[in-house]
Amino acid sequence: IETPTHPSVQIFENVQVDFRWKLEGGTFTQSGTIVRPDGKSVKLEALRFRRVNDVPSHKNPAIGTWKQISGHYITRDGKRNPYFSESDSRLMIVTPTHWMRMDLKNKKFAGAMYGTYESEGEQIATTLDFSTYPFKKGDRFEFSQKVNGNRLEIISHGTTPDGATATYYDIFEKTQ
């Protein structure tokens, strides 16, 4: 059994966590409490994850935990439009086999998603396993990533809220 010395990690402001976990063989078990900003608490009795053996492992320079610090998109006419504000929080976790993203907007839960990915150099293709957003399991997304020290830049193409095509630029900073 492996038990970490730092069982709780504070990932969002005003949300307190107290987690305990253990790793036995290929099973990771997490239990604890999340206290929301309004004082209400959510108790996790036991969240279990099993080791995945049938997903290829990647030597991705983005492996780790990242906090988004900025985000904007540029439309075909060259106009730069910020979409990530100071009141937004986005945490992204990348492992050798999986990725997970959690979002807060105005200090409230906005969504989460996770899945597997394939990589070839700076090109990444994700496959969605779960999302609270209006996406389906199996949806794929492609983007490029550049890691420079503690900074990660993700460049993707998509549609703006008004339906125009745009290039998105998301900048993350590695957490300690």
Protein backbone atom coordinates (compact mmCIF):
# COMPACT_ATOMS: atom_id res chain seq x y z
CA ILE A 1 0.00 0.00 0.00
CA GLU A 2 1.27 3.45 -0.97
CA THR A 3 -0.03 6.46 0.96
CA PRO A 4 1.08 9.99 0.01
CA THR A 5 2.41 12.41 2.64
CA HIS A 6 0.38 15.34 1.24
CA PRO A 7 -3.15 13.96 0.94
CA SER A 8 -4.97 17.22 0.10
CA VAL A 9 -4.24 19.68 -2.67
CA GLN A 10 -5.92 23.09 -2.79
CA ILE A 11 -6.86 23.54 -6.47
CA PHE A 12 -9.48 26.31 -6.37
CA GLU A 13 -9.87 29.37 -4.15
CA ASN A 14 -12.65 29.27 -1.55
CA VAL A 15 -13.11 25.49 -1.90
CA GLN A 16 -11.58 23.50 0.93
CA VAL A 17 -10.68 19.85 0.47
CA ASP A 18 -9.61 17.10 2.82
CA PHE A 19 -8.81 13.94 0.88
CA ARG A 20 -7.14 10.71 1.88
CA TRP A 21 -6.08 8.14 -0.63
CA LYS A 22 -4.23 4.89 -0.97
CA LEU A 23 -2.81 2.82 -3.79
CA GLU A 24 -3.12 -0.95 -3.49
CA GLY A 25 -1.85 -2.90 -6.47
CA GLY A 26 -3.57 -1.35 -9.48
CA THR A 27 -6.42 0.32 -7.54
CA PHE A 28 -6.37 3.93 -6.36
CA THR A 29 -9.00 4.79 -3.71
CA GLN A 30 -9.84 8.38 -2.68
CA SER A 31 -12.13 9.47 0.18
CA GLY A 32 -12.74 12.79 1.86
CA THR A 33 -14.70 16.01 2.01
CA ILE A 34 -15.13 19.04 -0.23
CA VAL A 35 -16.38 22.21 1.49
CA ARG A 36 -17.95 24.67 -0.95
CA PRO A 37 -17.72 28.47 -0.56
CA ASP A 38 -21.29 28.55 0.83
CA GLY A 39 -20.20 26.23 3.68
CA LYS A 40 -22.03 23.14 2.43
CA SER A 41 -19.90 20.02 2.31
CA VAL A 42 -19.82 17.07 -0.02
CA LYS A 43 -18.51 13.80 1.38
CA LEU A 44 -16.84 11.29 -0.90
CA GLU A 45 -17.09 7.86 0.67
CA ALA A 46 -14.78 6.08 -1.75
CA LEU A 47 -13.83 6.95 -5.27
CA ARG A 48 -11.94 4.07 -6.91
CA PHE A 49 -9.82 4.12 -10.03
CA ARG A 50 -8.11 1.12 -11.56
CA ARG A 51 -4.84 1.01 -13.41
CA VAL A 52 -5.35 1.08 -17.17
CA ASN A 53 -3.23 -1.39 -19.09
CA ASP A 54 -4.83 -1.28 -22.53
CA VAL A 55 -4.09 2.42 -23.31
CA PRO A 56 -0.72 3.36 -24.83
CA SER A 57 1.56 5.44 -22.61
CA HIS A 58 3.09 8.66 -24.00
CA LYS A 59 6.31 10.55 -23.26
CA ASN A 60 4.46 13.85 -23.31
CA PRO A 61 6.35 16.94 -22.06
CA ALA A 62 2.99 18.26 -20.76
CA ILE A 63 2.63 15.50 -18.15
CA GLY A 64 1.74 17.21 -14.89
CA THR A 65 -0.80 19.63 -13.45
CA TRP A 66 -1.44 22.96 -15.19
CA LYS A 67 -3.42 26.07 -14.28
CA GLN A 68 -4.67 28.25 -17.13
CA ILE A 69 -3.48 31.87 -16.95
CA SER A 70 -4.90 33.29 -20.19
CA GLY A 71 -6.99 32.45 -23.22
CA HIS A 72 -8.04 34.25 -26.38
CA TYR A 73 -9.08 33.53 -29.94
CA ILE A 74 -8.32 35.26 -33.23
CA THR A 75 -10.94 35.39 -35.96
CA ARG A 76 -10.22 35.33 -39.71
CA ASP A 77 -10.28 39.15 -39.81
CA GLY A 78 -7.38 39.21 -37.30
CA LYS A 79 -9.41 40.44 -34.34
CA ARG A 80 -8.15 39.22 -30.95
CA ASN A 81 -10.93 38.31 -28.49
CA PRO A 82 -10.16 37.37 -24.88
CA TYR A 83 -12.43 34.69 -23.42
CA PHE A 84 -10.63 33.71 -20.22
CA SER A 85 -10.97 36.28 -17.42
CA GLU A 86 -9.48 36.75 -13.96
CA SER A 87 -12.62 35.23 -12.41
CA ASP A 88 -12.12 31.99 -14.41
CA SER A 89 -10.13 28.98 -13.19
CA ARG A 90 -9.13 26.00 -15.30
CA LEU A 91 -7.04 23.11 -14.08
CA MET A 92 -5.68 20.51 -16.49
CA ILE A 93 -4.04 17.27 -15.45
CA VAL A 94 -2.06 15.23 -17.99
CA THR A 95 -0.76 11.73 -17.28
CA PRO A 96 1.13 9.36 -19.61
CA THR A 97 -2.24 7.87 -20.67
CA HIS A 98 -5.06 10.34 -19.81
CA TRP A 99 -6.02 14.01 -19.43
CA MET A 100 -8.60 15.79 -17.29
CA ARG A 101 -9.87 19.38 -17.28
CA MET A 102 -11.92 21.12 -14.56
CA ASP A 103 -13.39 24.62 -15.00
CA LEU A 104 -14.77 27.29 -12.67
CA LYS A 105 -16.47 30.44 -13.97
CA ASN A 106 -17.00 33.29 -11.51
CA LYS A 107 -15.87 30.90 -8.74
CA LYS A 108 -18.63 28.38 -9.56
CA PHE A 109 -18.26 24.95 -11.10
CA ALA A 110 -18.59 25.26 -14.87
CA GLY A 111 -17.66 21.77 -16.03
CA ALA A 112 -15.22 18.92 -16.24
CA MET A 113 -14.12 16.41 -18.84
CA TYR A 114 -11.52 13.70 -19.27
CA GLY A 115 -10.32 11.04 -21.65
CA THR A 116 -7.36 9.44 -23.39
CA TYR A 117 -5.05 10.97 -25.97
CA GLU A 118 -2.63 10.20 -28.76
CA SER A 119 0.45 12.28 -29.44
CA GLU A 120 2.90 12.72 -32.26
CA GLY A 121 5.41 15.46 -31.54
CA GLU A 122 3.47 18.62 -30.71
CA GLN A 123 0.21 17.28 -32.23
CA ILE A 124 -2.34 15.90 -29.76
CA ALA A 125 -5.65 14.12 -30.45
CA THR A 126 -7.92 13.56 -27.46
CA THR A 127 -10.81 11.11 -27.20
CA LEU A 128 -13.51 12.02 -24.70
CA ASP A 129 -14.51 9.47 -22.05
CA PHE A 130 -16.69 11.81 -19.95
CA SER A 131 -17.90 15.42 -20.03
CA THR A 132 -20.35 17.62 -18.16
CA TYR A 133 -20.34 19.80 -21.30
CA PRO A 134 -22.61 18.97 -24.27
CA PHE A 135 -20.14 16.55 -25.85
CA LYS A 136 -20.48 12.82 -26.36
CA LYS A 137 -18.24 9.98 -25.26
CA GLY A 138 -15.90 9.25 -28.15
CA ASP A 139 -15.78 12.85 -29.46
CA ARG A 140 -12.28 13.73 -30.66
CA PHE A 141 -10.44 17.04 -30.47
CA GLU A 142 -7.12 17.92 -32.10
CA PHE A 143 -4.68 20.66 -31.14
CA SER A 144 -0.99 21.46 -30.95
CA GLN A 145 0.89 22.00 -27.73
CA LYS A 146 4.21 23.67 -26.95
CA VAL A 147 5.90 23.27 -23.59
CA ASN A 148 8.56 25.78 -22.63
CA GLY A 149 9.72 25.25 -19.04
CA ASN A 150 6.73 25.83 -16.76
CA ARG A 151 4.58 27.22 -19.58
CA LEU A 152 2.22 25.28 -21.87
CA GLU A 153 0.60 26.81 -24.94
CA ILE A 154 -2.29 24.99 -26.62
CA ILE A 155 -3.38 26.09 -30.08
CA SER A 156 -6.64 24.79 -31.52
CA HIS A 157 -9.24 25.67 -34.13
CA GLY A 158 -12.91 26.03 -33.39
CA THR A 159 -16.05 28.09 -33.59
CA THR A 160 -16.69 31.31 -31.67
CA PRO A 161 -19.92 31.91 -29.72
CA ASP A 162 -21.33 33.79 -32.76
CA GLY A 163 -20.48 30.96 -35.19
CA ALA A 164 -17.28 32.31 -36.80
CA THR A 165 -14.20 30.11 -37.21
CA ALA A 166 -11.21 31.07 -35.10
CA THR A 167 -7.83 29.96 -33.76
CA TYR A 168 -7.76 29.57 -29.98
CA TYR A 169 -4.68 30.18 -27.80
CA ASP A 170 -4.68 28.85 -24.24
CA ILE A 171 -1.72 29.52 -21.94
CA PHE A 172 -1.14 27.38 -18.83
CA GLU A 173 1.39 27.52 -16.02
CA LYS A 174 2.65 24.36 -14.31
CA THR A 175 1.58 24.08 -10.67
CA GLN A 176 4.00 23.18 -7.93
